[in-house]
Structure formats: C-alpha cells, structure tokens
Amino acid sequence: MCLLYTTAQAVEFVRSVGRGNVKIQHDFYHMQRMEGNLVANLREHIGMIGHVQVADSPGRGEPGTGEIHYPYVLAQLDELGYGGYVGLEYNPTTGTTEESFGWLPKESRGGEIAVGDLKPY
C-alpha cells in the first residue's frame, strides 16, 4: 500500500511540507505504468523533482527494451534544465549488468554523466 498514488498528490504533499530540500523522486517506469503522459507530467512538475529513475515499460528492463522512447524523454529532461542524478533502476534483460549499459555512451559507463549526454540506442 502506498501513501500517495499520483504525481498531483506527491506535489501537494511536498508543497505542504514547505521545505526546499523535500522533492519528488520521479520514476519514469512507474509514471508510464500509472499515469502515462511522461513528458507533459515532467514539464508540469520539473521544479518539484529532486531525483529521476529510469527503467523501460513493460518489464522494467533497460532503456530501449520497451515502449518508452527514452531519447525523447531524456532530451526533454535536459531541455528543462534538470541537473540532478538519473538512477538506473532496471532489471537487465540483455545479459549481465555490464552488458545492459550498452544504451549509455561508452565513456560514461561506470561514472557520472550529464543528462544531456545520455543518448540511448
């Protein structure tokens, strides 16, 4: 059971707390499964987002294995000025964990990368 079920509820909660260091963890996998409209939701709430997680839907595999068009979604995230971390919260479907990093630029595997440099596929 969850305390909050929608982005609107999470935004309302964060605003009610009234602290600048309380933000939303924006999980694209769950957003797709529960609400859809990934980019519209992102645009509306970008100021409330403190962390982003990626996994493809359905199946929770790495980007490029499902229905989310991550090149577009990540480009929008960059365009909106997101400067935080992007957590890889997927279950590898292409072999080992290391092999599943194939969607990341080679020079970024094993280190930090700016959102704008994420170019899946």
C-alpha atoms as a PDB file:
ATOM      1  CA  MET A   1       0.000   0.000   0.000  1.00  0.00           C
ATOM      2  CA  CYS A   2       1.260   3.468  -0.881  1.00  0.00           C
ATOM      3  CA  LEU A   3       0.728   6.754   0.870  1.00  0.00           C
ATOM      4  CA  LEU A   4       0.496   8.687  -2.413  1.00  0.00           C
ATOM      5  CA  TYR A   5      -0.730   7.386  -5.775  1.00  0.00           C
ATOM      6  CA  THR A   6      -0.400  10.263  -8.230  1.00  0.00           C
ATOM      7  CA  THR A   7       2.091  12.969  -9.075  1.00  0.00           C
ATOM      8  CA  ALA A   8      -0.502  15.570  -8.129  1.00  0.00           C
ATOM      9  CA  GLN A   9      -0.774  14.033  -4.651  1.00  0.00           C
ATOM     10  CA  ALA A  10       3.024  13.965  -4.291  1.00  0.00           C
ATOM     11  CA  VAL A  11       3.299  17.608  -5.387  1.00  0.00           C
ATOM     12  CA  GLU A  12       0.595  18.606  -2.919  1.00  0.00           C
ATOM     13  CA  PHE A  13       2.426  16.758  -0.138  1.00  0.00           C
ATOM     14  CA  VAL A  14       5.806  18.319  -0.969  1.00  0.00           C
ATOM     15  CA  ARG A  15       4.265  21.791  -1.062  1.00  0.00           C
ATOM     16  CA  SER A  16       2.552  21.193   2.283  1.00  0.00           C
ATOM     17  CA  VAL A  17       5.900  20.343   3.889  1.00  0.00           C
ATOM     18  CA  GLY A  18       7.220  23.742   2.823  1.00  0.00           C
ATOM     19  CA  ARG A  19      10.900  22.799   2.725  1.00  0.00           C
ATOM     20  CA  GLY A  20      13.169  23.438  -0.249  1.00  0.00           C
ATOM     21  CA  ASN A  21      15.077  20.213   0.293  1.00  0.00           C
ATOM     22  CA  VAL A  22      11.986  17.970   0.017  1.00  0.00           C
ATOM     23  CA  LYS A  23      11.449  16.923  -3.593  1.00  0.00           C
ATOM     24  CA  ILE A  24       9.793  14.223  -5.667  1.00  0.00           C
ATOM     25  CA  GLN A  25      11.547  11.082  -6.831  1.00  0.00           C
ATOM     26  CA  HIS A  26      10.331  10.861 -10.425  1.00  0.00           C
ATOM     27  CA  ASP A  27      10.341   7.241 -11.608  1.00  0.00           C
ATOM     28  CA  PHE A  28       9.622   7.073 -15.355  1.00  0.00           C
ATOM     29  CA  TYR A  29       8.764   3.372 -15.210  1.00  0.00           C
ATOM     30  CA  HIS A  30       6.041   3.906 -12.606  1.00  0.00           C
ATOM     31  CA  MET A  31       4.898   7.128 -14.252  1.00  0.00           C
ATOM     32  CA  GLN A  32       4.309   5.231 -17.502  1.00  0.00           C
ATOM     33  CA  ARG A  33       2.522   2.371 -15.754  1.00  0.00           C
ATOM     34  CA  MET A  34       0.321   4.514 -13.505  1.00  0.00           C
ATOM     35  CA  GLU A  35      -0.230   7.850 -15.257  1.00  0.00           C
ATOM     36  CA  GLY A  36       1.300   7.984 -18.740  1.00  0.00           C
ATOM     37  CA  ASN A  37       1.865  11.410 -20.308  1.00  0.00           C
ATOM     38  CA  LEU A  38       5.508  11.272 -19.257  1.00  0.00           C
ATOM     39  CA  VAL A  39       6.732  14.489 -20.824  1.00  0.00           C
ATOM     40  CA  ALA A  40       3.617  16.561 -20.047  1.00  0.00           C
ATOM     41  CA  ASN A  41       3.895  15.467 -16.423  1.00  0.00           C
ATOM     42  CA  LEU A  42       7.616  16.206 -16.412  1.00  0.00           C
ATOM     43  CA  ARG A  43       7.105  19.702 -17.827  1.00  0.00           C
ATOM     44  CA  GLU A  44       4.387  20.484 -15.307  1.00  0.00           C
ATOM     45  CA  HIS A  45       6.354  19.344 -12.269  1.00  0.00           C
ATOM     46  CA  ILE A  46      10.051  19.783 -13.140  1.00  0.00           C
ATOM     47  CA  GLY A  47      10.555  22.269 -10.309  1.00  0.00           C
ATOM     48  CA  MET A  48       9.424  19.699  -7.769  1.00  0.00           C
ATOM     49  CA  ILE A  49      11.682  16.861  -8.993  1.00  0.00           C
ATOM     50  CA  GLY A  50      14.816  16.080  -6.999  1.00  0.00           C
ATOM     51  CA  HIS A  51      15.760  12.670  -8.420  1.00  0.00           C
ATOM     52  CA  VAL A  52      14.928  10.707 -11.565  1.00  0.00           C
ATOM     53  CA  GLN A  53      14.892   6.934 -12.082  1.00  0.00           C
ATOM     54  CA  VAL A  54      14.732   5.090 -15.399  1.00  0.00           C
ATOM     55  CA  ALA A  55      13.527   1.649 -16.440  1.00  0.00           C
ATOM     56  CA  ASP A  56      11.564   0.674 -19.513  1.00  0.00           C
ATOM     57  CA  SER A  57       7.969  -0.469 -19.521  1.00  0.00           C
ATOM     58  CA  PRO A  58       6.684  -3.114 -19.542  1.00  0.00           C
ATOM     59  CA  GLY A  59       9.108  -5.475 -17.874  1.00  0.00           C
ATOM     60  CA  ARG A  60      11.299  -2.931 -16.080  1.00  0.00           C
ATOM     61  CA  GLY A  61      14.231  -3.561 -18.434  1.00  0.00           C
ATOM     62  CA  GLU A  62      16.931  -1.133 -19.502  1.00  0.00           C
ATOM     63  CA  PRO A  63      16.027   1.762 -21.817  1.00  0.00           C
ATOM     64  CA  GLY A  64      15.451   0.513 -25.339  1.00  0.00           C
ATOM     65  CA  THR A  65      13.709  -2.721 -24.360  1.00  0.00           C
ATOM     66  CA  GLY A  66      10.166  -1.426 -24.051  1.00  0.00           C
ATOM     67  CA  GLU A  67       7.703   1.264 -25.017  1.00  0.00           C
ATOM     68  CA  ILE A  68       9.242   4.411 -23.504  1.00  0.00           C
ATOM     69  CA  HIS A  69      11.078   6.497 -26.097  1.00  0.00           C
ATOM     70  CA  TYR A  70      13.958   7.472 -23.837  1.00  0.00           C
ATOM     71  CA  PRO A  71      15.889   9.579 -26.385  1.00  0.00           C
ATOM     72  CA  TYR A  72      12.934  11.984 -26.407  1.00  0.00           C
ATOM     73  CA  VAL A  73      12.196  11.771 -22.667  1.00  0.00           C
ATOM     74  CA  LEU A  74      15.838  12.361 -21.666  1.00  0.00           C
ATOM     75  CA  ALA A  75      16.204  15.198 -24.196  1.00  0.00           C
ATOM     76  CA  GLN A  76      13.177  16.886 -22.620  1.00  0.00           C
ATOM     77  CA  LEU A  77      14.639  16.362 -19.151  1.00  0.00           C
ATOM     78  CA  ASP A  78      17.822  18.082 -20.309  1.00  0.00           C
ATOM     79  CA  GLU A  79      15.933  20.875 -22.089  1.00  0.00           C
ATOM     80  CA  LEU A  80      14.023  21.582 -18.877  1.00  0.00           C
ATOM     81  CA  GLY A  81      17.335  22.094 -17.075  1.00  0.00           C
ATOM     82  CA  TYR A  82      17.336  19.070 -14.783  1.00  0.00           C
ATOM     83  CA  GLY A  83      20.776  18.843 -13.197  1.00  0.00           C
ATOM     84  CA  GLY A  84      20.313  16.013 -10.709  1.00  0.00           C
ATOM     85  CA  TYR A  85      21.092  12.338 -10.831  1.00  0.00           C
ATOM     86  CA  VAL A  86      19.410   9.756 -13.037  1.00  0.00           C
ATOM     87  CA  GLY A  87      19.223   6.418 -11.248  1.00  0.00           C
ATOM     88  CA  LEU A  88      19.243   3.228 -13.301  1.00  0.00           C
ATOM     89  CA  GLU A  89      16.515   1.199 -11.614  1.00  0.00           C
ATOM     90  CA  TYR A  90      16.026  -1.580 -14.132  1.00  0.00           C
ATOM     91  CA  ASN A  91      16.454  -5.344 -14.339  1.00  0.00           C
ATOM     92  CA  PRO A  92      18.948  -6.134 -17.126  1.00  0.00           C
ATOM     93  CA  THR A  93      17.351  -8.054 -19.979  1.00  0.00           C
ATOM     94  CA  THR A  94      20.317  -8.171 -22.380  1.00  0.00           C
ATOM     95  CA  GLY A  95      22.661 -10.287 -20.271  1.00  0.00           C
ATOM     96  CA  THR A  96      24.863  -9.101 -17.440  1.00  0.00           C
ATOM     97  CA  THR A  97      24.532  -5.762 -15.712  1.00  0.00           C
ATOM     98  CA  GLU A  98      27.606  -4.527 -17.587  1.00  0.00           C
ATOM     99  CA  GLU A  99      26.109  -5.599 -20.933  1.00  0.00           C
ATOM    100  CA  SER A 100      22.919  -3.746 -20.084  1.00  0.00           C
ATOM    101  CA  PHE A 101      24.867  -0.457 -20.078  1.00  0.00           C
ATOM    102  CA  GLY A 102      25.035  -0.664 -23.868  1.00  0.00           C
ATOM    103  CA  TRP A 103      22.465   2.126 -24.163  1.00  0.00           C
ATOM    104  CA  LEU A 104      24.834   4.531 -22.352  1.00  0.00           C
ATOM    105  CA  PRO A 105      27.659   6.314 -24.159  1.00  0.00           C
ATOM    106  CA  LYS A 106      30.793   4.164 -23.711  1.00  0.00           C
ATOM    107  CA  GLU A 107      32.786   6.904 -21.971  1.00  0.00           C
ATOM    108  CA  SER A 108      30.020   7.253 -19.359  1.00  0.00           C
ATOM    109  CA  ARG A 109      29.794   3.662 -18.212  1.00  0.00           C
ATOM    110  CA  GLY A 110      30.935   3.386 -14.626  1.00  0.00           C
ATOM    111  CA  GLY A 111      30.926   7.109 -13.905  1.00  0.00           C
ATOM    112  CA  GLU A 112      28.823  10.225 -13.847  1.00  0.00           C
ATOM    113  CA  ILE A 113      27.323  11.796 -16.949  1.00  0.00           C
ATOM    114  CA  ALA A 114      25.230  14.880 -17.617  1.00  0.00           C
ATOM    115  CA  VAL A 115      21.625  14.218 -18.616  1.00  0.00           C
ATOM    116  CA  GLY A 116      22.208  15.933 -21.955  1.00  0.00           C
ATOM    117  CA  ASP A 117      24.902  13.392 -22.791  1.00  0.00           C
ATOM    118  CA  LEU A 118      22.523  10.422 -22.378  1.00  0.00           C
ATOM    119  CA  LYS A 119      21.743   9.263 -25.883  1.00  0.00           C
ATOM    120  CA  PRO A 120      20.145   5.824 -25.692  1.00  0.00           C
ATOM    121  CA  TYR A 121      20.336   3.473 -28.652  1.00  0.00           C
END
